[in-house]
Amino acid sequence: MSEIDVLIRPRITEKNTMLGVAGKYTFDIDPRADKRAVKAAVERLFAVDVVSVRVIRTPGKLRRVGTSYGMTSPTKKAVVTLKADQKIDAFEAS
């Protein structure tokens, strides 16, 4: 699995924007990816030093539309902490 395949997209929400001030960035990742693959992908794609990676799995939820029921897709995300003096410019608001 290449670095491009590991990181699906950055998660840009209000809560994750506040984490960016502390040097933490959140990404949606491939369900097969592990912490080492995420660390390598972020370091290579953004040229930063990663201190830690935390991975969160969220199961699909039951949703109802009219009389039909269905499940949302399960997701996997990673919270990446960088060294204190580094940042990822892609997350900065313009």
PDB file of N, CA and C in Angstrom:
ATOM      1  N   MET A   1       0.851  -1.169   0.000  1.00  0.00           N
ATOM      2  CA  MET A   1       0.000   0.000   0.000  1.00  0.00           C
ATOM      3  C   MET A   1       0.902   1.240   0.000  1.00  0.00           C
ATOM      4  N   SER A   2       0.669   2.167  -0.934  1.00  0.00           N
ATOM      5  CA  SER A   2       1.501   3.370  -1.032  1.00  0.00           C
ATOM      6  C   SER A   2       0.998   4.457  -0.090  1.00  0.00           C
ATOM      7  N   GLU A   3       1.796   5.520   0.051  1.00  0.00           N
ATOM      8  CA  GLU A   3       1.425   6.614   0.954  1.00  0.00           C
ATOM      9  C   GLU A   3       0.132   7.289   0.525  1.00  0.00           C
ATOM     10  N   ILE A   4      -0.070   7.381  -0.778  1.00  0.00           N
ATOM     11  CA  ILE A   4      -1.289   8.014  -1.294  1.00  0.00           C
ATOM     12  C   ILE A   4      -2.517   7.192  -0.907  1.00  0.00           C
ATOM     13  N   ASP A   5      -2.397   5.875  -0.880  1.00  0.00           N
ATOM     14  CA  ASP A   5      -3.528   5.008  -0.559  1.00  0.00           C
ATOM     15  C   ASP A   5      -3.850   4.989   0.933  1.00  0.00           C
ATOM     16  N   VAL A   6      -2.877   5.262   1.782  1.00  0.00           N
ATOM     17  CA  VAL A   6      -3.101   5.213   3.235  1.00  0.00           C
ATOM     18  C   VAL A   6      -3.980   6.363   3.685  1.00  0.00           C
ATOM     19  N   LEU A   7      -3.649   7.581   3.282  1.00  0.00           N
ATOM     20  CA  LEU A   7      -4.413   8.766   3.680  1.00  0.00           C
ATOM     21  C   LEU A   7      -5.511   9.021   2.660  1.00  0.00           C
ATOM     22  N   ILE A   8      -6.763   8.940   3.097  1.00  0.00           N
ATOM     23  CA  ILE A   8      -7.886   9.163   2.187  1.00  0.00           C
ATOM     24  C   ILE A   8      -8.160  10.651   2.044  1.00  0.00           C
ATOM     25  N   ARG A   9      -8.338  11.352   3.167  1.00  0.00           N
ATOM     26  CA  ARG A   9      -8.581  12.799   3.144  1.00  0.00           C
ATOM     27  C   ARG A   9      -8.375  13.362   4.533  1.00  0.00           C
ATOM     28  N   PRO A  10      -8.062  14.654   4.618  1.00  0.00           N
ATOM     29  CA  PRO A  10      -7.996  15.278   5.947  1.00  0.00           C
ATOM     30  C   PRO A  10      -9.412  15.517   6.466  1.00  0.00           C
ATOM     31  N   ARG A  11      -9.588  15.414   7.772  1.00  0.00           N
ATOM     32  CA  ARG A  11     -10.889  15.704   8.389  1.00  0.00           C
ATOM     33  C   ARG A  11     -10.846  17.128   8.893  1.00  0.00           C
ATOM     34  N   ILE A  12     -11.565  18.014   8.231  1.00  0.00           N
ATOM     35  CA  ILE A  12     -11.560  19.422   8.600  1.00  0.00           C
ATOM     36  C   ILE A  12     -12.905  19.744   9.237  1.00  0.00           C
ATOM     37  N   THR A  13     -12.914  19.760  10.560  1.00  0.00           N
ATOM     38  CA  THR A  13     -14.094  20.120  11.331  1.00  0.00           C
ATOM     39  C   THR A  13     -13.678  21.173  12.347  1.00  0.00           C
ATOM     40  N   GLU A  14     -14.643  21.705  13.054  1.00  0.00           N
ATOM     41  CA  GLU A  14     -14.334  22.724  14.058  1.00  0.00           C
ATOM     42  C   GLU A  14     -13.442  22.155  15.161  1.00  0.00           C
ATOM     43  N   LYS A  15     -13.763  20.972  15.624  1.00  0.00           N
ATOM     44  CA  LYS A  15     -12.967  20.355  16.684  1.00  0.00           C
ATOM     45  C   LYS A  15     -11.547  20.047  16.207  1.00  0.00           C
ATOM     46  N   ASN A  16     -11.416  19.522  14.996  1.00  0.00           N
ATOM     47  CA  ASN A  16     -10.093  19.199  14.478  1.00  0.00           C
ATOM     48  C   ASN A  16      -9.273  20.442  14.183  1.00  0.00           C
ATOM     49  N   THR A  17      -9.927  21.545  13.847  1.00  0.00           N
ATOM     50  CA  THR A  17      -9.220  22.804  13.645  1.00  0.00           C
ATOM     51  C   THR A  17      -8.620  23.285  14.959  1.00  0.00           C
ATOM     52  N   MET A  18      -9.333  23.106  16.052  1.00  0.00           N
ATOM     53  CA  MET A  18      -8.807  23.491  17.365  1.00  0.00           C
ATOM     54  C   MET A  18      -7.637  22.592  17.768  1.00  0.00           C
ATOM     55  N   LEU A  19      -7.659  21.326  17.363  1.00  0.00           N
ATOM     56  CA  LEU A  19      -6.538  20.433  17.639  1.00  0.00           C
ATOM     57  C   LEU A  19      -5.288  20.860  16.869  1.00  0.00           C
ATOM     58  N   GLY A  20      -5.481  21.479  15.702  1.00  0.00           N
ATOM     59  CA  GLY A  20      -4.358  21.933  14.891  1.00  0.00           C
ATOM     60  C   GLY A  20      -3.497  22.962  15.607  1.00  0.00           C
ATOM     61  N   VAL A  21      -4.076  23.723  16.509  1.00  0.00           N
ATOM     62  CA  VAL A  21      -3.314  24.695  17.295  1.00  0.00           C
ATOM     63  C   VAL A  21      -2.305  23.958  18.186  1.00  0.00           C
ATOM     64  N   ALA A  22      -2.659  22.778  18.637  1.00  0.00           N
ATOM     65  CA  ALA A  22      -1.785  21.981  19.499  1.00  0.00           C
ATOM     66  C   ALA A  22      -0.849  21.075  18.700  1.00  0.00           C
ATOM     67  N   GLY A  23      -0.851  21.211  17.361  1.00  0.00           N
ATOM     68  CA  GLY A  23       0.030  20.385  16.536  1.00  0.00           C
ATOM     69  C   GLY A  23      -0.523  19.010  16.246  1.00  0.00           C
ATOM     70  N   LYS A  24      -1.849  18.850  16.324  1.00  0.00           N
ATOM     71  CA  LYS A  24      -2.484  17.559  16.045  1.00  0.00           C
ATOM     72  C   LYS A  24      -3.377  17.703  14.818  1.00  0.00           C
ATOM     73  N   TYR A  25      -3.260  16.761  13.903  1.00  0.00           N
ATOM     74  CA  TYR A  25      -4.020  16.787  12.659  1.00  0.00           C
ATOM     75  C   TYR A  25      -4.726  15.454  12.473  1.00  0.00           C
ATOM     76  N   THR A  26      -5.945  15.497  11.914  1.00  0.00           N
ATOM     77  CA  THR A  26      -6.770  14.305  11.787  1.00  0.00           C
ATOM     78  C   THR A  26      -6.983  13.957  10.314  1.00  0.00           C
ATOM     79  N   PHE A  27      -6.854  12.678   9.995  1.00  0.00           N
ATOM     80  CA  PHE A  27      -7.038  12.179   8.637  1.00  0.00           C
ATOM     81  C   PHE A  27      -7.971  10.985   8.643  1.00  0.00           C
ATOM     82  N   ASP A  28      -8.786  10.842   7.577  1.00  0.00           N
ATOM     83  CA  ASP A  28      -9.468   9.586   7.312  1.00  0.00           C
ATOM     84  C   ASP A  28      -8.431   8.682   6.668  1.00  0.00           C
ATOM     85  N   ILE A  29      -8.361   7.435   7.119  1.00  0.00           N
ATOM     86  CA  ILE A  29      -7.347   6.526   6.600  1.00  0.00           C
ATOM     87  C   ILE A  29      -7.990   5.252   6.086  1.00  0.00           C
ATOM     88  N   ASP A  30      -7.216   4.493   5.333  1.00  0.00           N
ATOM     89  CA  ASP A  30      -7.663   3.207   4.813  1.00  0.00           C
ATOM     90  C   ASP A  30      -7.875   2.245   5.985  1.00  0.00           C
ATOM     91  N   PRO A  31      -8.943   1.450   5.963  1.00  0.00           N
ATOM     92  CA  PRO A  31      -9.202   0.528   7.079  1.00  0.00           C
ATOM     93  C   PRO A  31      -8.102  -0.504   7.314  1.00  0.00           C
ATOM     94  N   ARG A  32      -7.278  -0.777   6.299  1.00  0.00           N
ATOM     95  CA  ARG A  32      -6.200  -1.759   6.438  1.00  0.00           C
ATOM     96  C   ARG A  32      -4.905  -1.145   6.953  1.00  0.00           C
ATOM     97  N   ALA A  33      -4.843   0.185   7.052  1.00  0.00           N
ATOM     98  CA  ALA A  33      -3.610   0.869   7.445  1.00  0.00           C
ATOM     99  C   ALA A  33      -3.375   0.753   8.946  1.00  0.00           C
ATOM    100  N   ASP A  34      -2.094   0.705   9.337  1.00  0.00           N
ATOM    101  CA  ASP A  34      -1.743   0.688  10.749  1.00  0.00           C
ATOM    102  C   ASP A  34      -0.977   1.970  11.090  1.00  0.00           C
ATOM    103  N   LYS A  35      -0.595   2.106  12.358  1.00  0.00           N
ATOM    104  CA  LYS A  35       0.059   3.334  12.819  1.00  0.00           C
ATOM    105  C   LYS A  35       1.370   3.596  12.075  1.00  0.00           C
ATOM    106  N   ARG A  36       2.143   2.562  11.843  1.00  0.00           N
ATOM    107  CA  ARG A  36       3.430   2.745  11.166  1.00  0.00           C
ATOM    108  C   ARG A  36       3.242   3.247   9.743  1.00  0.00           C
ATOM    109  N   ALA A  37       2.239   2.735   9.042  1.00  0.00           N
ATOM    110  CA  ALA A  37       1.970   3.165   7.671  1.00  0.00           C
ATOM    111  C   ALA A  37       1.498   4.621   7.643  1.00  0.00           C
ATOM    112  N   VAL A  38       0.666   5.008   8.614  1.00  0.00           N
ATOM    113  CA  VAL A  38       0.184   6.387   8.682  1.00  0.00           C
ATOM    114  C   VAL A  38       1.342   7.335   8.978  1.00  0.00           C
ATOM    115  N   LYS A  39       2.202   6.976   9.910  1.00  0.00           N
ATOM    116  CA  LYS A  39       3.358   7.808  10.249  1.00  0.00           C
ATOM    117  C   LYS A  39       4.258   8.003   9.031  1.00  0.00           C
ATOM    118  N   ALA A  40       4.554   6.926   8.328  1.00  0.00           N
ATOM    119  CA  ALA A  40       5.410   7.011   7.144  1.00  0.00           C
ATOM    120  C   ALA A  40       4.771   7.871   6.055  1.00  0.00           C
ATOM    121  N   ALA A  41       3.470   7.735   5.861  1.00  0.00           N
ATOM    122  CA  ALA A  41       2.775   8.498   4.821  1.00  0.00           C
ATOM    123  C   ALA A  41       2.778   9.993   5.126  1.00  0.00           C
ATOM    124  N   VAL A  42       2.487  10.371   6.367  1.00  0.00           N
ATOM    125  CA  VAL A  42       2.448  11.787   6.733  1.00  0.00           C
ATOM    126  C   VAL A  42       3.843  12.395   6.651  1.00  0.00           C
ATOM    127  N   GLU A  43       4.848  11.683   7.139  1.00  0.00           N
ATOM    128  CA  GLU A  43       6.214  12.206   7.088  1.00  0.00           C
ATOM    129  C   GLU A  43       6.684  12.391   5.652  1.00  0.00           C
ATOM    130  N   ARG A  44       6.342  11.467   4.782  1.00  0.00           N
ATOM    131  CA  ARG A  44       6.810  11.559   3.400  1.00  0.00           C
ATOM    132  C   ARG A  44       6.032  12.595   2.588  1.00  0.00           C
ATOM    133  N   LEU A  45       4.708  12.642   2.742  1.00  0.00           N
ATOM    134  CA  LEU A  45       3.901  13.552   1.933  1.00  0.00           C
ATOM    135  C   LEU A  45       4.012  15.012   2.361  1.00  0.00           C
ATOM    136  N   PHE A  46       4.138  15.261   3.664  1.00  0.00           N
ATOM    137  CA  PHE A  46       4.134  16.643   4.153  1.00  0.00           C
ATOM    138  C   PHE A  46       5.494  17.112   4.663  1.00  0.00           C
ATOM    139  N   ALA A  47       6.516  16.268   4.637  1.00  0.00           N
ATOM    140  CA  ALA A  47       7.886  16.608   5.066  1.00  0.00           C
ATOM    141  C   ALA A  47       7.905  17.169   6.487  1.00  0.00           C
ATOM    142  N   VAL A  48       7.310  16.428   7.423  1.00  0.00           N
ATOM    143  CA  VAL A  48       7.274  16.810   8.836  1.00  0.00           C
ATOM    144  C   VAL A  48       7.741  15.625   9.674  1.00  0.00           C
ATOM    145  N   ASP A  49       7.992  15.865  10.963  1.00  0.00           N
ATOM    146  CA  ASP A  49       8.372  14.802  11.893  1.00  0.00           C
ATOM    147  C   ASP A  49       7.176  14.468  12.778  1.00  0.00           C
ATOM    148  N   VAL A  50       6.745  13.213  12.745  1.00  0.00           N
ATOM    149  CA  VAL A  50       5.593  12.760  13.515  1.00  0.00           C
ATOM    150  C   VAL A  50       6.065  12.235  14.863  1.00  0.00           C
ATOM    151  N   VAL A  51       5.434  12.716  15.943  1.00  0.00           N
ATOM    152  CA  VAL A  51       5.764  12.268  17.290  1.00  0.00           C
ATOM    153  C   VAL A  51       4.923  11.046  17.656  1.00  0.00           C
ATOM    154  N   SER A  52       3.606  11.107  17.385  1.00  0.00           N
ATOM    155  CA  SER A  52       2.743   9.976  17.712  1.00  0.00           C
ATOM    156  C   SER A  52       1.557   9.907  16.760  1.00  0.00           C
ATOM    157  N   VAL A  53       0.954   8.721  16.699  1.00  0.00           N
ATOM    158  CA  VAL A  53      -0.235   8.482  15.881  1.00  0.00           C
ATOM    159  C   VAL A  53      -1.239   7.732  16.741  1.00  0.00           C
ATOM    160  N   ARG A  54      -2.462   8.222  16.787  1.00  0.00           N
ATOM    161  CA  ARG A  54      -3.544   7.524  17.489  1.00  0.00           C
ATOM    162  C   ARG A  54      -4.601   7.170  16.460  1.00  0.00           C
ATOM    163  N   VAL A  55      -5.078   5.927  16.493  1.00  0.00           N
ATOM    164  CA  VAL A  55      -6.026   5.434  15.503  1.00  0.00           C
ATOM    165  C   VAL A  55      -7.363   5.160  16.177  1.00  0.00           C
ATOM    166  N   ILE A  56      -8.451   5.594  15.520  1.00  0.00           N
ATOM    167  CA  ILE A  56      -9.802   5.422  16.055  1.00  0.00           C
ATOM    168  C   ILE A  56     -10.652   4.730  14.999  1.00  0.00           C
ATOM    169  N   ARG A  57     -11.329   3.657  15.386  1.00  0.00           N
ATOM    170  CA  ARG A  57     -12.287   2.991  14.510  1.00  0.00           C
ATOM    171  C   ARG A  57     -13.691   3.342  14.992  1.00  0.00           C
ATOM    172  N   THR A  58     -14.555   3.739  14.052  1.00  0.00           N
ATOM    173  CA  THR A  58     -15.946   3.990  14.396  1.00  0.00           C
ATOM    174  C   THR A  58     -16.813   3.020  13.604  1.00  0.00           C
ATOM    175  N   PRO A  59     -17.638   2.251  14.268  1.00  0.00           N
ATOM    176  CA  PRO A  59     -18.486   1.295  13.561  1.00  0.00           C
ATOM    177  C   PRO A  59     -19.607   2.006  12.814  1.00  0.00           C
ATOM    178  N   GLY A  60     -20.191   1.318  11.845  1.00  0.00           N
ATOM    179  CA  GLY A  60     -21.344   1.860  11.141  1.00  0.00           C
ATOM    180  C   GLY A  60     -22.534   1.958  12.079  1.00  0.00           C
ATOM    181  N   LYS A  61     -23.411   2.913  11.805  1.00  0.00           N
ATOM    182  CA  LYS A  61     -24.587   3.116  12.653  1.00  0.00           C
ATOM    183  C   LYS A  61     -25.858   2.805  11.873  1.00  0.00           C
ATOM    184  N   LEU A  62     -26.875   2.372  12.592  1.00  0.00           N
ATOM    185  CA  LEU A  62     -28.168   2.100  11.990  1.00  0.00           C
ATOM    186  C   LEU A  62     -28.889   3.419  11.738  1.00  0.00           C
ATOM    187  N   ARG A  63     -29.324   3.628  10.507  1.00  0.00           N
ATOM    188  CA  ARG A  63     -30.036   4.851  10.133  1.00  0.00           C
ATOM    189  C   ARG A  63     -31.353   4.474   9.466  1.00  0.00           C
ATOM    190  N   ARG A  64     -32.332   5.362   9.608  1.00  0.00           N
ATOM    191  CA  ARG A  64     -33.650   5.117   9.045  1.00  0.00           C
ATOM    192  C   ARG A  64     -34.003   6.249   8.082  1.00  0.00           C
ATOM    193  N   VAL A  65     -34.470   5.881   6.902  1.00  0.00           N
ATOM    194  CA  VAL A  65     -34.973   6.836   5.920  1.00  0.00           C
ATOM    195  C   VAL A  65     -36.362   6.353   5.524  1.00  0.00           C
ATOM    196  N   GLY A  66     -37.371   7.051   5.998  1.00  0.00           N
ATOM    197  CA  GLY A  66     -38.746   6.608   5.756  1.00  0.00           C
ATOM    198  C   GLY A  66     -39.006   5.314   6.507  1.00  0.00           C
ATOM    199  N   THR A  67     -39.411   4.298   5.779  1.00  0.00           N
ATOM    200  CA  THR A  67     -39.656   3.001   6.414  1.00  0.00           C
ATOM    201  C   THR A  67     -38.483   2.041   6.216  1.00  0.00           C
ATOM    202  N   SER A  68     -37.431   2.486   5.549  1.00  0.00           N
ATOM    203  CA  SER A  68     -36.275   1.635   5.277  1.00  0.00           C
ATOM    204  C   SER A  68     -35.188   1.859   6.314  1.00  0.00           C
ATOM    205  N   TYR A  69     -34.466   0.807   6.631  1.00  0.00           N
ATOM    206  CA  TYR A  69     -33.337   0.876   7.536  1.00  0.00           C
ATOM    207  C   TYR A  69     -32.070   0.523   6.779  1.00  0.00           C
ATOM    208  N   GLY A  70     -30.980   1.103   7.195  1.00  0.00           N
ATOM    209  CA  GLY A  70     -29.700   0.796   6.575  1.00  0.00           C
ATOM    210  C   GLY A  70     -28.575   1.127   7.541  1.00  0.00           C
ATOM    211  N   MET A  71     -27.370   0.776   7.124  1.00  0.00           N
ATOM    212  CA  MET A  71     -26.194   1.038   7.958  1.00  0.00           C
ATOM    213  C   MET A  71     -25.292   2.046   7.246  1.00  0.00           C
ATOM    214  N   THR A  72     -24.700   2.946   8.030  1.00  0.00           N
ATOM    215  CA  THR A  72     -23.677   3.811   7.477  1.00  0.00           C
ATOM    216  C   THR A  72     -22.370   3.018   7.425  1.00  0.00           C
ATOM    217  N   SER A  73     -21.435   3.494   6.654  1.00  0.00           N
ATOM    218  CA  SER A  73     -20.168   2.790   6.503  1.00  0.00           C
ATOM    219  C   SER A  73     -19.298   2.965   7.747  1.00  0.00           C
ATOM    220  N   PRO A  74     -18.577   1.926   8.154  1.00  0.00           N
ATOM    221  CA  PRO A  74     -17.618   2.106   9.245  1.00  0.00           C
ATOM    222  C   PRO A  74     -16.431   2.927   8.737  1.00  0.00           C
ATOM    223  N   THR A  75     -15.814   3.702   9.623  1.00  0.00           N
ATOM    224  CA  THR A  75     -14.687   4.548   9.229  1.00  0.00           C
ATOM    225  C   THR A  75     -13.512   4.312  10.167  1.00  0.00           C
ATOM    226  N   LYS A  76     -12.355   4.757   9.725  1.00  0.00           N
ATOM    227  CA  LYS A  76     -11.148   4.686  10.531  1.00  0.00           C
ATOM    228  C   LYS A  76     -10.423   6.014  10.349  1.00  0.00           C
ATOM    229  N   LYS A  77     -10.031   6.633  11.451  1.00  0.00           N
ATOM    230  CA  LYS A  77      -9.322   7.906  11.357  1.00  0.00           C
ATOM    231  C   LYS A  77      -8.092   7.869  12.244  1.00  0.00           C
ATOM    232  N   ALA A  78      -7.166   8.776  11.956  1.00  0.00           N
ATOM    233  CA  ALA A  78      -5.923   8.850  12.708  1.00  0.00           C
ATOM    234  C   ALA A  78      -5.683  10.286  13.138  1.00  0.00           C
ATOM    235  N   VAL A  79      -5.265  10.453  14.399  1.00  0.00           N
ATOM    236  CA  VAL A  79      -4.865  11.762  14.923  1.00  0.00           C
ATOM    237  C   VAL A  79      -3.346  11.736  15.015  1.00  0.00           C
ATOM    238  N   VAL A  80      -2.707  12.613  14.246  1.00  0.00           N
ATOM    239  CA  VAL A  80      -1.258  12.643  14.121  1.00  0.00           C
ATOM    240  C   VAL A  80      -0.726  13.855  14.879  1.00  0.00           C
ATOM    241  N   THR A  81       0.227  13.636  15.788  1.00  0.00           N
ATOM    242  CA  THR A  81       0.861  14.713  16.539  1.00  0.00           C
ATOM    243  C   THR A  81       2.238  14.976  15.956  1.00  0.00           C
ATOM    244  N   LEU A  82       2.512  16.249  15.670  1.00  0.00           N
ATOM    245  CA  LEU A  82       3.791  16.647  15.100  1.00  0.00           C
ATOM    246  C   LEU A  82       4.682  17.259  16.168  1.00  0.00           C
ATOM    247  N   LYS A  83       5.967  17.453  15.819  1.00  0.00           N
ATOM    248  CA  LYS A  83       6.878  18.159  16.716  1.00  0.00           C
ATOM    249  C   LYS A  83       6.344  19.570  16.945  1.00  0.00           C
ATOM    250  N   ALA A  84       6.749  20.178  18.052  1.00  0.00           N
ATOM    251  CA  ALA A  84       6.171  21.456  18.489  1.00  0.00           C
ATOM    252  C   ALA A  84       6.335  22.582  17.474  1.00  0.00           C
ATOM    253  N   ASP A  85       7.423  22.632  16.736  1.00  0.00           N
ATOM    254  CA  ASP A  85       7.672  23.759  15.844  1.00  0.00           C
ATOM    255  C   ASP A  85       7.213  23.516  14.410  1.00  0.00           C
ATOM    256  N   GLN A  86       6.488  22.425  14.140  1.00  0.00           N
ATOM    257  CA  GLN A  86       6.085  22.098  12.774  1.00  0.00           C
ATOM    258  C   GLN A  86       4.582  22.171  12.598  1.00  0.00           C
ATOM    259  N   LYS A  87       4.153  22.364  11.339  1.00  0.00           N
ATOM    260  CA  LYS A  87       2.731  22.381  11.013  1.00  0.00           C
ATOM    261  C   LYS A  87       2.547  21.925   9.577  1.00  0.00           C
ATOM    262  N   ILE A  88       1.315  21.573   9.241  1.00  0.00           N
ATOM    263  CA  ILE A  88       0.965  21.168   7.886  1.00  0.00           C
ATOM    264  C   ILE A  88       0.177  22.322   7.270  1.00  0.00           C
ATOM    265  N   ASP A  89       0.685  22.881   6.186  1.00  0.00           N
ATOM    266  CA  ASP A  89       0.070  24.053   5.589  1.00  0.00           C
ATOM    267  C   ASP A  89      -1.279  23.756   4.939  1.00  0.00           C
ATOM    268  N   ALA A  90      -1.541  22.522   4.554  1.00  0.00           N
ATOM    269  CA  ALA A  90      -2.801  22.166   3.901  1.00  0.00           C
ATOM    270  C   ALA A  90      -3.995  22.396   4.838  1.00  0.00           C
ATOM    271  N   PHE A  91      -3.786  22.372   6.135  1.00  0.00           N
ATOM    272  CA  PHE A  91      -4.866  22.553   7.096  1.00  0.00           C
ATOM    273  C   PHE A  91      -5.094  24.015   7.454  1.00  0.00           C
ATOM    274  N   GLU A  92      -4.167  24.880   7.118  1.00  0.00           N
ATOM    275  CA  GLU A  92      -4.279  26.290   7.483  1.00  0.00           C
ATOM    276  C   GLU A  92      -5.362  26.958   6.648  1.00  0.00           C
ATOM    277  N   ALA A  93      -6.198  27.768   7.272  1.00  0.00           N
ATOM    278  CA  ALA A  93      -7.265  28.494   6.574  1.00  0.00           C
ATOM    279  C   ALA A  93      -6.647  29.620   5.745  1.00  0.00           C
ATOM    280  N   SER A  94      -7.210  29.809   4.555  1.00  0.00           N
ATOM    281  CA  SER A  94      -6.678  30.880   3.701  1.00  0.00           C
ATOM    282  C   SER A  94      -7.641  32.029   3.565  1.00  0.00           C
TER     283      SER A  94
END
